[in-house]
Protein backbone atom coordinates (compact mmCIF):
# COMPACT_ATOMS: atom_id res chain seq x y z
CA MET A 1 0.10 -0.02 0.08
CA THR A 2 2.97 2.75 0.64
CA LYS A 3 4.55 1.84 -2.03
CA LYS A 4 1.33 2.71 -4.47
CA LYS A 5 1.09 5.80 -2.31
CA VAL A 6 4.86 7.20 -2.83
CA LYS A 7 3.75 5.86 -6.72
CA LEU A 8 1.24 8.07 -7.32
CA ASP A 9 3.28 11.14 -5.17
CA LEU A 10 5.54 10.74 -7.61
CA GLU A 11 3.21 10.69 -10.58
CA SER A 12 1.79 13.69 -9.24
CA ASP A 13 4.81 15.62 -9.14
CA ASN A 14 5.91 14.45 -12.71
CA ILE A 15 2.27 16.30 -13.60
CA VAL A 16 2.41 19.13 -12.19
CA ASP A 17 5.86 19.75 -13.45
CA MET A 18 5.14 18.96 -16.98
CA ILE A 19 2.07 21.25 -16.35
CA HIS A 20 3.96 23.81 -15.18
CA ARG A 21 6.24 23.84 -18.77
CA HIS A 22 3.30 23.69 -20.73
CA ALA A 23 2.39 27.20 -18.88
CA ASP A 24 5.89 28.75 -19.73
CA PHE A 25 5.96 27.34 -23.26
CA SER A 26 2.61 28.40 -24.37
CA ASP A 27 3.08 31.79 -22.64
CA LYS A 28 6.05 32.66 -24.75
CA LEU A 29 4.41 31.13 -27.82
CA ILE A 30 1.85 33.73 -27.18
CA ASN A 31 4.45 36.08 -26.82
CA LEU A 32 6.06 35.68 -29.73
CA ILE A 33 2.34 36.47 -31.75
CA PRO A 34 1.36 40.24 -32.48
CA ALA A 35 -1.29 40.76 -30.20
CA ARG A 36 -3.40 43.16 -32.62
CA ILE A 37 -4.37 40.13 -33.85
CA TYR A 38 -6.31 38.16 -31.02
CA LEU A 39 -6.86 41.13 -28.66
CA SER A 40 -9.37 44.35 -29.66
CA ASP A 41 -8.26 48.00 -29.48
CA ASP A 42 -11.30 49.81 -28.32
CA ASP A 43 -10.23 53.64 -29.62
CA LYS A 44 -9.48 51.76 -33.43
CA GLU A 45 -12.64 49.25 -33.99
CA LYS A 46 -13.78 49.05 -37.20
CA LYS A 47 -16.72 50.59 -38.27
CA TRP A 48 -19.74 48.87 -40.55
CA PHE A 49 -20.94 50.29 -43.29
CA GLN A 50 -24.91 50.38 -42.90
CA GLY A 51 -26.91 53.36 -43.25
CA LEU A 52 -24.32 54.85 -45.43
CA ARG A 53 -24.69 56.13 -49.22
CA LYS A 54 -23.52 54.49 -51.72
CA GLU A 55 -20.19 57.18 -52.27
CA GLU A 56 -19.82 57.19 -48.85
CA LYS A 57 -19.42 53.13 -48.56
CA VAL A 58 -17.15 53.58 -51.57
CA ASN A 59 -15.03 55.82 -49.88
CA ALA A 60 -14.84 54.31 -46.12
CA LYS A 61 -14.17 50.93 -47.84
CA ARG A 62 -11.13 52.49 -49.87
CA GLU A 63 -9.88 54.38 -46.18
CA THR A 64 -10.22 50.03 -44.87
CA ILE A 65 -7.80 48.91 -47.92
CA GLU A 66 -5.27 51.77 -47.80
CA ASN A 67 -5.46 51.30 -43.31
CA LEU A 68 -4.98 47.63 -44.51
CA LYS A 69 -2.13 47.88 -46.75
CA LYS A 70 -0.78 50.58 -44.02
CA ALA A 71 -0.53 47.99 -41.22
CA LYS A 72 0.47 44.97 -43.18
CA ARG A 73 4.06 47.35 -44.34
CA TYR A 74 4.07 47.80 -41.05
CA ARG A 75 3.71 44.73 -39.84
CA LEU A 76 6.43 43.17 -41.86
CA ASP A 77 8.83 46.11 -41.84
CA PRO A 78 11.82 44.50 -39.75
CA GLU A 79 12.74 48.10 -38.11
CA LYS A 80 9.07 48.76 -36.52
CA SER A 81 9.00 47.09 -33.07
CA VAL A 82 6.10 44.64 -33.07
CA LEU A 83 3.97 45.34 -29.58
CA THR A 84 3.32 41.48 -27.59
CA THR A 85 0.85 40.80 -24.99
CA LEU A 86 2.31 42.60 -22.07
CA ASP A 87 2.82 45.89 -23.70
CA LEU A 88 -0.60 46.12 -24.69
CA GLN A 89 -1.72 45.97 -21.73
CA LYS A 90 0.80 48.30 -19.93
CA GLN A 91 -0.40 51.05 -22.63
CA LYS A 92 -3.84 50.03 -21.02
CA LEU A 93 -2.89 50.44 -18.18
CA GLU A 94 -1.40 54.08 -18.11
CA LYS A 95 -4.52 54.94 -20.27
CA GLU A 96 -6.49 54.08 -16.96
CA LYS A 97 -4.35 55.74 -15.23
CA GLU A 98 -4.66 58.58 -17.06
CA LYS A 99 -8.16 58.56 -17.32
CA PHE A 100 -8.70 58.31 -13.20
CA GLY A 101 -6.25 60.42 -11.90
CA ILE A 102 -3.99 57.53 -10.07
CA LYS A 103 -1.23 59.07 -9.15
CA PRO A 104 2.23 57.89 -8.25
CA MET A 105 3.07 55.81 -4.78
CA PHE A 106 6.58 57.87 -4.15
CA LEU A 107 6.29 61.72 -4.65
CA GLY A 108 9.94 62.03 -5.35
CA LEU A 109 9.62 60.64 -9.24
CA GLN A 110 6.90 61.66 -11.43
CA GLU A 111 4.85 59.58 -13.35
CA ASP A 112 6.27 60.33 -16.72
CA ASP A 113 9.85 59.57 -15.49
CA THR A 114 11.73 56.81 -16.61
CA PHE A 115 15.09 55.19 -17.06
CA GLU A 116 16.72 56.96 -19.84
CA LYS A 117 14.46 60.15 -19.67
CA MET A 118 16.53 60.19 -15.90
CA ARG A 119 19.72 59.40 -17.78
CA GLU A 120 19.26 62.47 -20.12
CA ARG A 121 18.62 64.76 -17.72
CA ARG A 122 21.86 63.51 -15.48
CA LEU A 123 23.60 63.86 -19.11
CA GLN A 124 22.51 67.49 -19.39
CA LYS A 125 23.40 68.12 -15.65
CA ASN A 126 27.28 67.24 -16.38
CA LYS A 127 26.66 68.82 -19.37
CA ARG A 128 25.93 72.49 -18.38
CA LYS A 129 28.73 70.97 -15.24
CA ARG A 130 31.75 71.10 -17.69
CA ASP A 131 31.04 74.04 -19.75
CA SER A 132 31.19 76.11 -16.55
CA GLY A 133 34.28 74.74 -16.18
CA LEU A 134 34.88 75.20 -19.84
CA ASN A 135 34.13 79.24 -19.10
CA VAL A 136 36.32 79.58 -16.35
CA VAL A 137 39.42 78.31 -18.22
CA GLU A 138 38.78 80.22 -20.98
CA GLU A 139 38.41 83.81 -18.81
CA VAL A 140 41.58 82.58 -16.98
CA VAL A 141 43.90 82.02 -21.15
CA LYS A 142 42.08 85.31 -23.08
CA ASP A 143 44.83 87.08 -22.58
CA LEU A 144 47.31 84.04 -24.31
CA THR A 145 47.66 84.55 -28.15
CA TYR A 146 49.09 81.18 -29.96
CA GLY A 147 52.33 81.77 -31.94
CA TYR A 148 52.69 85.04 -30.30
CA VAL A 149 54.86 86.23 -27.25
CA LYS A 150 54.12 89.68 -25.57
CA ILE A 151 56.73 91.66 -25.04
CA GLY A 152 56.45 94.85 -22.96
CA ASP A 153 53.76 96.95 -24.75
CA ASP A 154 53.91 95.42 -27.81
CA ASP A 155 50.21 93.97 -27.47
CA GLU A 156 49.22 97.15 -29.57
CA GLU A 157 51.85 96.67 -32.43
CA TYR A 158 51.54 93.20 -33.25
CA ALA A 159 47.25 94.19 -33.85
CA LYS A 160 48.00 97.32 -36.16
CA ASN A 161 50.80 95.00 -37.64
CA ARG A 162 48.24 91.62 -38.28
CA LYS A 163 45.73 94.35 -39.95
CA LYS A 164 48.53 96.27 -42.55
CA LYS A 165 47.95 94.61 -45.75
CA ARG A 166 50.48 92.85 -47.58
CA VAL A 167 53.78 95.35 -49.40
CA SER A 168 54.83 94.07 -52.36
CA LYS A 169 57.99 92.99 -53.38
CA ALA A 170 59.27 95.87 -55.39
CA LYS A 171 58.82 98.17 -51.73
CA GLU A 172 60.28 95.65 -49.58
CA LEU A 173 63.59 95.63 -51.48
CA GLU A 174 63.68 99.39 -51.78
CA MET A 175 63.32 99.26 -48.16
CA ALA A 176 65.36 96.59 -47.59
CA MET A 177 68.36 98.79 -50.05
CA LYS A 178 67.24 102.07 -47.84
CA LEU A 179 68.65 100.18 -44.61
CA GLU A 180 71.24 98.46 -46.06
CA ASN A 181 73.12 102.29 -47.14
CA LEU A 182 72.03 103.49 -43.72
CA LYS A 183 73.64 100.35 -41.93
CA LYS A 184 77.15 102.05 -43.35
CA ASP A 185 76.78 104.96 -42.09
CA PRO A 186 79.71 105.04 -39.30
CA GLU A 187 77.99 107.44 -36.48
CA LYS A 188 74.33 106.05 -37.09
CA GLY A 189 75.12 102.58 -38.35
CA ASP A 190 75.83 99.95 -35.16
CA ILE A 191 72.60 101.57 -33.55
CA LEU A 192 70.31 100.88 -36.22
CA ALA A 193 71.36 97.89 -36.93
CA THR A 194 70.94 97.01 -33.63
CA LYS A 195 67.38 98.27 -33.40
CA HIS A 196 66.50 96.77 -36.31
CA SER A 197 67.86 93.25 -34.84
CA TRP A 198 65.81 93.22 -32.34
CA LYS A 199 62.44 94.91 -34.12
CA ALA A 200 62.71 91.77 -36.12
CA ALA A 201 63.53 89.35 -33.74
CA ILE A 202 60.30 89.61 -31.97
CA SER A 203 58.35 90.59 -35.56
CA ARG A 204 59.88 86.69 -35.94
CA ALA A 205 58.15 85.75 -32.27
CA ALA A 206 54.83 87.08 -33.02
CA GLY A 207 55.30 84.80 -36.35
CA ILE A 208 55.38 88.25 -38.66
CA LYS A 209 57.88 87.37 -41.66
CA VAL A 210 60.49 89.32 -42.02
CA ARG A 211 61.68 89.80 -45.59
CA ASP A 212 65.07 92.47 -44.61
CA ASP A 213 67.80 90.76 -47.34
CA PRO A 214 68.24 92.97 -50.51
CA LYS A 215 70.06 89.76 -52.28
CA ARG A 216 67.28 87.30 -51.81
CA LEU A 217 64.15 90.13 -52.89
CA LYS A 218 66.04 90.06 -55.72
CA GLN A 219 65.86 86.70 -56.55
CA ARG A 220 62.51 86.25 -55.46
CA ILE A 221 61.27 89.32 -57.98
CA ARG A 222 63.15 87.77 -60.56
CA LYS A 223 61.50 83.89 -60.37
CA GLU A 224 58.28 85.50 -59.93
CA LYS A 225 58.82 87.79 -62.84
CA ASN A 226 60.09 84.57 -64.99
CA ARG A 227 56.67 82.82 -63.59
CA ARG A 228 54.55 85.39 -64.61
CA GLU A 229 56.07 85.59 -68.75
CA LYS A 230 55.82 81.86 -68.42
CA ASN A 231 52.05 82.17 -67.42
CA ALA A 232 51.98 84.61 -69.70
CA GLU A 233 53.20 82.78 -73.00
CA LYS A 234 50.88 79.37 -71.64
CA TRP A 235 47.84 81.62 -71.99
CA LYS A 236 48.52 83.42 -74.97
CA GLU A 237 49.47 79.36 -76.80
CA ARG A 238 45.85 78.21 -75.23
CA VAL A 239 44.19 81.57 -76.85
CA GLU A 240 45.05 80.92 -79.85
CA VAL A 241 44.68 77.05 -80.33
CA GLN A 242 41.15 77.90 -79.26
CA GLN A 243 40.90 81.18 -82.01
CA LYS A 244 42.23 77.81 -84.40
CA VAL A 245 39.22 75.49 -83.74
CA ARG A 246 37.06 78.05 -83.46
CA VAL A 247 37.86 79.19 -86.92
CA GLU A 248 38.35 75.19 -88.41
CA LYS A 249 34.52 74.66 -86.53
CA GLN A 250 33.02 77.25 -88.61
CA GLN A 251 34.92 76.32 -91.64
CA LYS A 252 33.38 72.44 -91.46
CA ARG A 253 30.54 74.27 -90.39
CA SER A 254 30.29 76.26 -94.03
CA GLU A 255 31.11 73.42 -95.96
CA ASN A 256 28.42 71.32 -94.49
CA ILE A 257 25.84 73.88 -95.29
CA THR A 258 26.98 74.54 -98.55
CA ASP A 259 26.97 70.30 -99.59
CA ARG A 260 23.54 70.47 -98.48
CA ILE A 261 22.32 73.15 -100.62
CA GLN A 262 23.89 71.34 -103.51
CA GLN A 263 22.49 67.72 -102.80
CA LYS A 264 19.35 69.62 -102.32
CA LYS A 265 19.53 70.73 -105.81
CA MET A 266 20.89 67.52 -107.56
CA ARG A 267 17.51 65.99 -105.50
CA LYS A 268 15.73 68.69 -107.73
CA ILE A 269 16.85 68.30 -110.91
CA ALA A 270 16.89 64.59 -110.33
CA LYS A 271 12.89 64.43 -109.50
CA ARG A 272 12.34 66.65 -112.36
CA GLU A 273 13.97 64.37 -115.14
CA LYS A 274 12.05 61.25 -113.84
CA LYS A 275 9.11 63.51 -114.63
CA LEU A 276 10.14 64.04 -118.04
CA LEU A 277 10.39 60.66 -118.92
CA ARG A 278 7.73 59.37 -117.65
CA PRO A 279 5.25 58.03 -121.03
CA GLY A 280 2.82 61.00 -122.78
CA TYR A 281 4.97 64.04 -121.53
């Protein structure tokens, strides 16, 4: 008798375990099926066409067909997420909460507070902190200029030099030659050379190019002159080639027009001779 009881208990335990496994499998299978197939939405129920005129029925039927097509495209789109039963039930609970005015149990959080919104607020707060720190740093280093070392009261002079227009090479050569002549003066030459070397060093430190060597300036002027002459020759050749091609095209066009006129005349003569050769004429 005891053996039979033990056997029955084991069988009942196996049956209960099997029922639980079947229930879990059924729940997972139902979640794979789109919930809108077997759950009706009260807000989107199909309306019957009874009591409508013929044109209204046609329009309503056309609208229904278009909505079905859109729903099918939405269902087959892999990028769109398909709502499960749990999702729809959550949406219905949220609608009921809004309808009956149910307030959240925790006063610290609002009803629409989600993890994403809380995370977004935290990121915005950190960004504001970083921006405030950057503003402080900018106020501290606003007097620094990259590639420029301020020496005494040369800041205004540097700003003026940056805004000046570039001097031509001929003018630079003239100034360099004048400076060389002044340096040869036995009385003021050394003082002027020292002053110019200091000024040139400050300008180079500020990122301004100093061209005070007459020999190099003459070479640059000569190279630029040769480059301009070569470019002028190339441009002249290009214009001549274009003119030649234009004349050849015009000549070819005139020849083609003359040939077409001559061919038209010959066709008219041949047609007239053919008429004269017919019997009875």
